Protein backbone atom coordinates (compact mmCIF):
# COMPACT_ATOMS: atom_id res chain seq x y z
CA MET A 1 -22.95 31.64 -22.85
CA LYS A 2 -22.19 33.94 -19.95
CA PHE A 3 -20.59 37.30 -20.73
CA GLU A 4 -17.51 36.56 -18.58
CA ALA A 5 -16.95 33.13 -20.11
CA TYR A 6 -17.25 34.54 -23.64
CA ILE A 7 -14.70 37.29 -22.97
CA ALA A 8 -12.39 34.74 -21.33
CA ARG A 9 -12.52 32.60 -24.49
CA ARG A 10 -11.69 35.61 -26.66
CA VAL A 11 -8.80 36.55 -24.36
CA ALA A 12 -7.48 33.01 -24.49
CA ALA A 13 -7.65 32.99 -28.30
CA SER A 14 -5.96 36.37 -28.73
CA GLY A 15 -3.43 35.62 -25.99
CA GLN A 16 -1.74 33.13 -28.26
CA GLN A 17 -0.19 36.06 -30.15
CA SER A 18 0.79 38.21 -27.15
CA PHE A 19 4.09 38.44 -25.29
CA SER A 20 2.56 36.60 -22.31
CA ARG A 21 2.25 33.40 -24.32
CA LEU A 22 5.54 32.03 -22.95
CA ILE A 23 4.53 32.78 -19.34
CA LEU A 24 1.18 31.07 -19.79
CA ARG A 25 2.82 28.02 -21.36
CA ILE A 26 5.18 27.84 -18.40
CA ALA A 27 2.14 27.91 -16.10
CA VAL A 28 0.53 25.04 -18.04
CA VAL A 29 3.77 23.04 -17.85
CA ALA A 30 4.07 23.71 -14.10
CA VAL A 31 0.52 22.51 -13.44
CA ALA A 32 1.03 19.49 -15.70
CA LEU A 33 4.27 18.47 -13.97
CA SER A 34 2.74 18.98 -10.52
CA VAL A 35 -0.26 16.79 -11.36
CA ALA A 36 1.95 14.15 -12.99
CA VAL A 37 4.19 13.98 -9.91
CA MET A 38 1.14 13.75 -7.62
CA ILE A 39 -0.37 10.90 -9.65
CA CYS A 40 2.94 9.01 -9.74
CA ALA A 41 3.52 9.54 -6.01
CA ASN A 42 0.02 8.35 -5.14
CA ALA A 43 0.28 5.29 -7.40
CA LEU A 44 3.77 4.38 -6.14
CA ILE A 45 2.98 4.74 -2.44
CA ALA A 46 -0.34 2.88 -2.79
CA GLY A 47 1.37 0.13 -4.76
CA PHE A 48 4.22 -0.06 -2.26
CA LYS A 49 1.86 -0.41 0.70
CA ASN A 50 -0.31 -2.95 -1.09
CA GLU A 51 2.61 -5.14 -2.14
CA ILE A 52 4.35 -5.14 1.24
CA SER A 53 1.09 -5.77 3.12
CA SER A 54 0.09 -8.59 0.79
CA LYS A 55 3.49 -10.26 1.24
CA ILE A 56 3.30 -10.10 5.02
CA PHE A 57 -0.30 -11.27 5.12
CA GLY A 58 0.46 -13.97 2.57
CA PHE A 59 3.33 -15.29 4.70
CA TRP A 60 1.57 -15.17 8.06
CA GLY A 61 -2.13 -14.89 7.32
CA HIS A 62 -4.32 -11.99 8.41
CA ILE A 63 -5.37 -13.29 11.84
CA HIS A 64 -3.69 -15.68 14.29
CA ILE A 65 -5.61 -17.89 16.70
CA THR A 66 -3.46 -19.05 19.62
CA ASP A 67 -3.68 -19.96 23.29
CA THR A 68 -4.57 -17.09 25.64
CA ASP A 69 -1.70 -17.91 28.04
CA ILE A 70 1.20 -17.36 25.66
CA ASN A 71 3.08 -14.18 24.96
CA ARG A 72 2.02 -12.47 21.75
CA SER A 73 5.31 -13.43 20.07
CA LEU A 74 5.27 -15.35 16.78
CA LEU A 75 7.85 -17.80 18.15
CA GLU A 76 6.01 -19.06 21.21
CA ALA A 77 5.43 -22.83 21.14
CA TYR A 78 2.33 -23.54 23.21
CA PRO A 79 0.09 -26.34 21.93
CA ILE A 80 -3.61 -26.11 21.22
CA ARG A 81 -5.79 -28.83 19.82
CA LYS A 82 -6.71 -28.86 16.14
CA ASP A 83 -10.14 -30.42 16.67
CA GLN A 84 -11.95 -27.15 17.36
CA GLU A 85 -15.55 -26.40 16.44
CA PHE A 86 -14.48 -23.50 14.21
CA TYR A 87 -11.97 -25.61 12.22
CA PRO A 88 -12.30 -25.84 9.29
CA TYR A 89 -15.86 -24.47 9.35
CA LEU A 90 -14.56 -20.88 9.76
CA ASP A 91 -13.71 -20.56 6.06
CA THR A 92 -17.38 -20.93 5.13
CA ILE A 93 -18.22 -17.55 6.72
CA ARG A 94 -18.81 -14.92 4.08
CA GLN A 95 -20.21 -11.54 5.12
CA VAL A 96 -20.57 -10.62 8.79
CA GLN A 97 -22.97 -8.10 10.29
CA TYR A 98 -21.67 -5.67 12.91
CA MET A 99 -22.85 -2.55 14.71
CA VAL A 100 -21.25 0.87 14.38
CA GLU A 101 -22.03 4.10 16.21
CA GLU A 102 -22.52 7.23 14.12
CA ASN A 103 -23.09 10.82 15.09
CA TRP A 104 -26.32 12.17 13.59
CA PHE A 105 -27.09 15.80 14.46
CA GLY A 106 -25.35 15.50 17.81
CA GLN A 107 -26.89 12.14 18.74
CA ARG A 108 -25.17 8.76 18.79
CA VAL A 109 -27.01 6.29 16.55
CA GLU A 110 -26.20 2.60 16.11
CA ARG A 111 -26.32 1.26 12.57
CA VAL A 112 -25.95 -2.24 11.14
CA ARG A 113 -23.11 -2.74 8.68
CA ARG A 114 -21.82 -5.68 6.66
CA THR A 115 -18.24 -6.62 5.92
CA LYS A 116 -17.15 -6.42 2.28
CA GLY A 117 -16.01 -10.03 2.32
CA GLY A 118 -15.60 -12.98 4.62
CA ILE A 119 -13.04 -15.61 5.64
CA ARG A 120 -11.23 -17.20 2.72
CA HIS A 121 -9.12 -19.89 4.39
CA ILE A 122 -7.91 -21.28 7.72
CA GLN A 123 -4.86 -23.48 8.28
CA VAL A 124 -2.76 -24.81 11.15
CA PHE A 125 0.87 -23.99 11.82
CA ALA A 126 3.64 -24.75 14.31
CA ILE A 127 6.94 -22.98 15.01
CA LYS A 128 10.29 -24.35 16.19
CA PRO A 129 13.65 -22.46 16.25
CA GLY A 130 16.77 -24.39 15.30
CA ILE A 131 20.48 -23.94 14.54
CA ILE A 132 22.33 -24.42 11.26
CA GLU A 133 26.02 -24.39 10.40
CA ALA A 134 26.53 -21.99 7.49
CA GLY A 135 29.69 -21.33 5.51
CA LYS A 136 32.59 -23.27 4.04
CA LYS A 137 34.28 -26.20 5.73
CA GLY A 138 36.73 -24.99 8.33
CA ASP A 139 35.08 -21.57 8.40
CA LYS A 140 31.52 -22.32 9.50
CA ASP A 141 29.26 -19.97 11.41
CA ILE A 142 26.40 -21.05 13.65
CA GLU A 143 23.20 -19.28 12.71
CA GLY A 144 19.60 -19.51 13.78
CA ILE A 145 16.73 -20.69 11.63
CA ILE A 146 13.03 -20.97 12.38
CA LEU A 147 11.10 -23.91 11.01
CA LYS A 148 7.47 -23.23 10.27
CA GLY A 149 5.49 -26.44 10.18
CA VAL A 150 2.55 -26.56 7.79
CA GLY A 151 -0.05 -29.23 7.15
CA GLN A 152 -1.99 -30.54 4.19
CA ASP A 153 -4.45 -27.68 4.61
CA PHE A 154 -1.70 -25.15 3.74
CA ASP A 155 -2.71 -22.73 0.97
CA TRP A 156 0.15 -22.71 -1.56
CA GLU A 157 -1.31 -19.87 -3.64
CA PHE A 158 0.98 -17.28 -2.06
CA MET A 159 4.19 -19.31 -1.62
CA GLY A 160 3.82 -21.01 -4.98
CA GLN A 161 4.48 -17.79 -6.88
CA TYR A 162 7.76 -17.21 -5.02
CA ILE A 163 9.29 -20.68 -5.46
CA LYS A 164 12.28 -20.02 -7.72
CA ARG A 165 13.59 -23.56 -8.03
CA GLY A 166 12.24 -26.98 -7.21
CA ARG A 167 8.74 -27.58 -5.91
CA ARG A 168 6.54 -27.29 -2.84
CA LEU A 169 6.55 -29.76 0.05
CA ASN A 170 5.24 -33.24 -0.57
CA MET A 171 3.37 -34.37 2.57
CA PRO A 172 1.85 -37.85 2.14
CA ASP A 173 -0.79 -39.11 4.55
CA SER A 174 1.11 -42.29 5.36
CA ALA A 175 4.49 -40.91 6.43
CA MET A 176 6.12 -37.79 7.83
CA SER A 177 7.96 -35.82 5.17
CA ARG A 178 11.63 -34.87 5.61
CA GLU A 179 11.51 -32.27 2.87
CA ILE A 180 12.21 -28.60 3.53
CA LEU A 181 11.49 -25.46 1.52
CA ILE A 182 14.24 -22.93 2.19
CA SER A 183 14.82 -19.34 1.09
CA GLN A 184 17.40 -18.19 -1.42
CA GLN A 185 19.33 -16.54 1.43
CA THR A 186 19.47 -19.78 3.41
CA ALA A 187 20.51 -21.72 0.30
CA ASN A 188 23.36 -19.27 -0.28
CA ARG A 189 24.50 -19.42 3.34
CA LEU A 190 24.44 -23.22 3.44
CA GLN A 191 25.72 -23.54 -0.14
CA VAL A 192 23.00 -26.04 -0.95
CA ASP A 193 20.37 -26.32 -3.66
CA THR A 194 17.38 -28.49 -4.54
CA GLY A 195 18.17 -32.16 -4.05
CA ASP A 196 20.79 -31.51 -1.36
CA SER A 197 20.35 -32.17 2.34
CA PHE A 198 21.59 -30.60 5.57
CA ILE A 199 21.23 -31.02 9.34
CA VAL A 200 19.36 -28.70 11.67
CA HIS A 201 20.20 -28.80 15.39
CA PHE A 202 17.57 -28.28 18.10
CA VAL A 203 17.52 -27.98 21.84
CA GLU A 204 14.38 -29.29 23.56
CA LYS A 205 14.04 -29.83 27.32
CA GLY A 206 17.81 -29.80 27.75
CA GLU A 207 18.43 -32.38 25.03
CA GLN A 208 20.26 -31.77 21.78
CA LEU A 209 18.38 -33.09 18.77
CA GLN A 210 19.31 -33.31 15.10
CA ARG A 211 17.20 -33.68 12.01
CA ARG A 212 18.36 -34.10 8.41
CA PHE A 213 16.19 -32.39 5.82
CA HIS A 214 16.17 -32.71 2.03
CA VAL A 215 15.78 -29.48 0.07
CA CYS A 216 12.77 -29.77 -2.25
CA GLY A 217 12.62 -26.13 -3.29
CA VAL A 218 14.05 -22.63 -2.90
CA TYR A 219 11.84 -19.56 -2.50
CA ARG A 220 12.37 -15.80 -2.41
CA THR A 221 9.60 -13.46 -1.27
CA GLY A 222 11.72 -10.32 -1.05
CA LEU A 223 10.91 -9.96 2.67
CA GLU A 224 14.59 -10.26 3.53
CA GLU A 225 14.04 -10.36 7.28
CA TYR A 226 11.72 -13.37 6.93
CA ASP A 227 13.58 -15.05 4.09
CA ARG A 228 16.73 -15.07 6.19
CA LYS A 229 15.05 -16.74 9.16
CA PHE A 230 12.24 -19.03 8.00
CA ALA A 231 11.93 -22.39 6.26
CA LEU A 232 8.83 -24.55 5.70
CA VAL A 233 8.60 -28.20 6.79
CA ASP A 234 5.97 -30.82 7.47
CA ILE A 235 4.11 -29.87 10.66
CA ARG A 236 4.56 -33.43 11.94
CA GLN A 237 8.31 -32.77 12.21
CA ILE A 238 7.63 -29.89 14.61
CA GLN A 239 5.12 -31.95 16.58
CA ARG A 240 7.65 -34.75 17.07
CA LEU A 241 10.45 -32.36 18.05
CA LEU A 242 8.22 -30.66 20.64
CA GLY A 243 6.80 -33.93 21.93
CA TRP A 244 3.28 -33.00 20.88
CA GLU A 245 0.50 -35.24 19.71
CA GLU A 246 -0.48 -35.25 16.04
CA GLY A 247 -3.66 -33.35 16.84
CA GLN A 248 -1.81 -30.37 18.35
CA ALA A 249 -0.43 -27.19 16.76
CA SER A 250 0.89 -23.74 17.70
CA GLY A 251 -2.20 -22.09 16.29
CA PHE A 252 -4.31 -21.27 13.26
CA GLU A 253 -3.71 -18.77 10.47
CA VAL A 254 -6.82 -17.14 9.05
CA PHE A 255 -6.98 -15.46 5.64
CA ILE A 256 -9.74 -12.99 4.81
CA ASP A 257 -11.13 -11.63 1.53
CA ASP A 258 -10.80 -7.88 2.12
CA ILE A 259 -8.13 -6.16 4.21
CA GLY A 260 -10.63 -3.44 5.13
CA ASP A 261 -12.50 -6.03 7.23
CA LEU A 262 -9.43 -7.01 9.28
CA GLU A 263 -10.34 -5.45 12.62
CA THR A 264 -14.04 -6.32 12.32
CA LEU A 265 -13.41 -9.99 11.51
CA THR A 266 -10.71 -10.26 14.20
CA GLU A 267 -13.22 -9.12 16.81
CA TYR A 268 -15.95 -11.31 15.33
CA ILE A 269 -13.75 -14.43 15.49
CA TYR A 270 -12.58 -13.68 19.02
CA PHE A 271 -15.97 -12.86 20.54
CA GLU A 272 -18.30 -15.03 18.45
CA GLN A 273 -16.34 -18.11 17.35
CA LEU A 274 -13.57 -18.94 19.82
CA PRO A 275 -13.77 -20.74 23.16
CA THR A 276 -12.56 -18.82 26.21
CA ASP A 277 -9.09 -20.43 26.21
CA LEU A 278 -8.17 -19.17 22.71
CA TYR A 279 -7.24 -15.71 21.50
CA ALA A 280 -7.49 -14.03 18.06
CA GLU A 281 -5.09 -11.26 17.03
CA SER A 282 -4.46 -9.58 13.69
CA ILE A 283 -0.97 -9.59 12.23
CA ARG A 284 -1.16 -5.79 12.15
CA ASP A 285 -1.35 -5.86 15.96
CA LYS A 286 1.19 -8.68 16.22
CA MET A 287 3.82 -6.85 14.16
CA PRO A 288 2.95 -3.15 14.62
CA GLU A 289 6.43 -1.84 13.79
CA ILE A 290 6.18 -2.89 10.12
CA PHE A 291 2.71 -1.45 9.64
CA ASP A 292 3.64 1.75 11.51
CA TRP A 293 6.48 2.11 9.03
CA LEU A 294 4.05 1.62 6.14
CA ASP A 295 1.68 4.19 7.63
CA LEU A 296 4.54 6.70 7.67
CA GLN A 297 4.47 6.60 3.88
CA ASP A 298 1.16 8.48 4.05
CA ILE A 299 3.04 11.42 5.56
CA ASN A 300 5.50 11.35 2.65
CA GLU A 301 2.59 11.37 0.23
CA VAL A 302 0.95 14.36 1.95
CA VAL A 303 4.24 16.29 1.85
CA ILE A 304 4.74 15.57 -1.86
CA LEU A 305 1.15 16.49 -2.74
CA GLY A 306 1.36 19.69 -0.69
CA LEU A 307 4.61 20.81 -2.33
CA MET A 308 3.28 20.12 -5.83
CA VAL A 309 0.08 22.06 -5.18
CA ILE A 310 2.14 25.01 -3.87
CA VAL A 311 4.27 24.95 -7.04
CA ALA A 312 1.13 25.00 -9.19
CA ILE A 313 -0.40 27.85 -7.17
CA ILE A 314 2.73 30.03 -7.32
CA ASN A 315 3.03 29.63 -11.07
CA MET A 316 -0.67 30.31 -11.65
CA VAL A 317 -0.62 33.41 -9.42
CA THR A 318 2.34 34.77 -11.38
CA ALA A 319 0.67 34.01 -14.71
CA LEU A 320 -2.62 35.61 -13.64
CA MET A 321 -0.95 38.81 -12.46
CA ILE A 322 0.97 39.11 -15.73
CA LEU A 323 -2.23 38.52 -17.67
CA ILE A 324 -4.09 41.23 -15.70
CA LEU A 325 -1.29 43.74 -16.21
CA GLU A 326 -1.18 42.93 -19.92
CA ARG A 327 -4.94 43.48 -20.22
CA THR A 328 -5.05 46.77 -18.31
CA ASN A 329 -6.47 48.60 -21.31
CA MET A 330 -9.25 46.02 -21.73
CA ILE A 331 -10.09 46.23 -18.03
CA GLY A 332 -10.40 50.05 -18.27
CA ILE A 333 -12.75 49.80 -21.26
CA LEU A 334 -14.95 47.20 -19.55
CA LYS A 335 -15.17 49.37 -16.44
CA ALA A 336 -16.05 52.40 -18.54
CA LEU A 337 -18.84 50.37 -20.15
CA GLY A 338 -20.25 49.61 -16.70
CA SER A 339 -18.87 46.19 -15.87
CA ALA A 340 -18.54 45.46 -12.17
CA ASN A 341 -15.18 44.58 -10.62
CA TRP A 342 -16.33 41.06 -9.73
CA SER A 343 -17.55 40.48 -13.28
CA ILE A 344 -14.14 41.43 -14.67
CA ARG A 345 -12.37 39.33 -12.06
CA LYS A 346 -14.45 36.33 -13.15
CA ILE A 347 -13.16 36.77 -16.71
CA PHE A 348 -9.62 36.20 -15.50
CA LEU A 349 -10.67 33.39 -13.20
CA TYR A 350 -12.35 31.65 -16.14
CA TYR A 351 -9.15 32.10 -18.12
CA ALA A 352 -7.12 30.73 -15.22
CA ALA A 353 -9.48 27.74 -15.00
CA TYR A 354 -8.84 27.09 -18.69
CA ILE A 355 -5.06 27.15 -18.10
CA VAL A 356 -5.35 24.85 -15.06
CA ALA A 357 -7.64 22.45 -16.96
CA LEU A 358 -5.13 22.31 -19.81
CA GLY A 359 -2.38 21.57 -17.29
CA LEU A 360 -4.52 18.88 -15.69
CA PHE A 361 -5.09 17.22 -19.06
CA TRP A 362 -1.39 17.00 -19.87
CA GLY A 363 -0.52 16.12 -16.27
CA ASN A 364 -2.91 13.18 -16.30
CA LEU A 365 -1.61 12.06 -19.67
CA ILE A 366 2.00 12.18 -18.49
CA GLY A 367 1.40 10.81 -14.97
CA ILE A 368 -0.88 7.92 -15.94
CA GLY A 369 1.30 7.17 -18.95
CA LEU A 370 4.45 6.90 -16.81
CA CYS A 371 2.63 4.68 -14.30
CA LEU A 372 1.38 2.35 -17.04
CA LEU A 373 4.88 2.15 -18.53
CA GLN A 374 6.37 1.31 -15.12
CA ASP A 375 3.68 -1.29 -14.50
CA ARG A 376 4.35 -2.87 -17.89
CA PHE A 377 8.14 -2.63 -18.26
CA GLU A 378 9.31 -2.19 -14.60
CA PHE A 379 12.19 0.12 -15.58
CA ILE A 380 12.50 1.58 -12.04
CA ARG A 381 14.42 -0.97 -9.97
CA LEU A 382 14.71 -1.06 -6.18
CA SER A 383 17.05 -2.67 -3.67
CA GLU A 384 15.06 -5.66 -2.44
CA GLU A 385 17.09 -5.79 0.78
CA ASN A 386 15.97 -2.28 1.75
CA TYR A 387 12.51 -2.01 0.20
CA TYR A 388 11.32 -5.68 0.16
CA LEU A 389 10.58 -5.23 -3.58
CA SER A 390 12.76 -5.53 -6.67
CA THR A 391 10.76 -3.01 -8.74
CA ALA A 392 8.67 0.06 -7.94
CA PRO A 393 5.05 -1.14 -7.70
CA ILE A 394 2.11 0.74 -9.21
CA ALA A 395 -1.50 0.87 -8.00
CA LEU A 396 -3.67 3.14 -10.15
CA HIS A 397 -7.20 3.77 -8.91
CA PHE A 398 -9.86 6.04 -10.39
CA TRP A 399 -11.09 7.83 -7.26
CA PRO A 400 -7.70 9.01 -5.91
CA ILE A 401 -6.81 10.39 -9.35
CA PHE A 402 -10.21 12.06 -9.69
CA LEU A 403 -9.92 13.66 -6.26
CA LEU A 404 -6.37 14.83 -7.01
CA ASN A 405 -7.61 16.59 -10.14
CA LEU A 406 -10.66 18.06 -8.43
CA GLY A 407 -8.66 19.21 -5.41
CA THR A 408 -5.91 20.78 -7.52
CA LEU A 409 -8.45 22.70 -9.62
CA ALA A 410 -10.48 23.89 -6.60
CA ILE A 411 -7.52 24.87 -4.40
CA THR A 412 -5.66 26.65 -7.21
CA LEU A 413 -8.72 28.69 -8.25
CA LEU A 414 -9.46 29.51 -4.62
CA PHE A 415 -5.99 31.01 -4.19
CA LEU A 416 -6.30 32.88 -7.50
CA VAL A 417 -9.24 34.87 -6.13
CA ILE A 418 -6.72 36.92 -4.11
CA PRO A 419 -4.49 38.17 -6.99
CA SER A 420 -7.61 38.81 -9.10
CA TYR A 421 -8.30 41.63 -6.59
CA LEU A 422 -5.70 43.58 -8.58
CA VAL A 423 -8.49 44.35 -11.05
CA THR A 424 -10.24 46.59 -8.52
CA ARG A 425 -7.12 48.78 -8.22
CA ILE A 426 -7.12 49.73 -11.89
CA SER A 427 -8.61 53.16 -12.73
CA PRO A 428 -10.67 53.21 -15.95
CA VAL A 429 -9.33 56.63 -17.05
CA LYS A 430 -5.67 55.75 -16.54
CA ALA A 431 -6.15 52.27 -17.98
CA ILE A 432 -7.66 53.52 -21.25
CA ARG A 433 -4.70 55.91 -21.71
CA PHE A 434 -2.26 53.10 -20.99
CA LYS A 435 -0.94 51.40 -24.12
């Protein structure tokens, strides 16, 4: 064992009986609380972003394939044919190779990469806005609703988990279904429930059209903006309202395996799979305001992490200075015996590392424990109208926690090098006399 580490252990053991014990315990508590807050903040923000993103992607898919002539709005109704070469073959694509440019010693080098996953599913959709009369008799309000037409290829894995009452759409091959899956908000506004029916009014080419739909189920995703506006119906209803043929749709929704491949697979589909009259666009590009808002959460995380690290540093600097002043006599003796200033400084840095490591241990125990409790019991509730979620989500991952611990230890010790300079200002003769 190194001389400095051995002395640091002896100081730590004897320090339990000294007057500085309370200060050192406060330093351990400060580091522990800082680490616990950082772990909780990281897990909450990561969970929040994951849950919101998965809801949006689950509702709309990751990539939209539409006609090149339309505006990039979700509500444009411009028909394209379903009998495309890529449909439904596209969902058989697994990993995709692509080229990336990297800077190696000042030179640009192209390297071949592979996506983490591929394309999981592709399905058709069609959109048609309508009008409903909501409220009590004699006091009705006219409100808009958007019908999203889906076909038999619709993947119910996402929507199925959010159906609160009733069932999903039944779409037989032989006949067009008149069933509708509405949100809890729409059900409340219309004062209807499963088994009831209501009329939706449409305007198409100057004509007023009406369609009666039977409520087969009620869903609630928590995406209040979408729940308020959208309902699911048989795509053949939208085709008839728009005067389209059965083989036409507004576009295709594509679902991928890994969100990290979104931009790569969007470009691959557009340049390698689509004819020239079709366009592929990711939902992130189609609805940038939501994802910009989610990206802002990263700034909040950085601010929280920065403040917690500063708290830990301030407390450790205070504790280290008190420890040095308390051990003035020991420092004088070590200098008289020939120890170098840097060697003595390392003793206190080793001791500080021990204190920080102890704080990290308890901080991880508290932080991870709180996250696991929240994930299991969901005791922190949120306003679903404001946050799109009813409970605070948790996403614990090994590498972020490991890097938080490593970064806290390294940054704190780096800043402690400065106050350890106080050792060099202590005179051996005066220090030995000091008691």
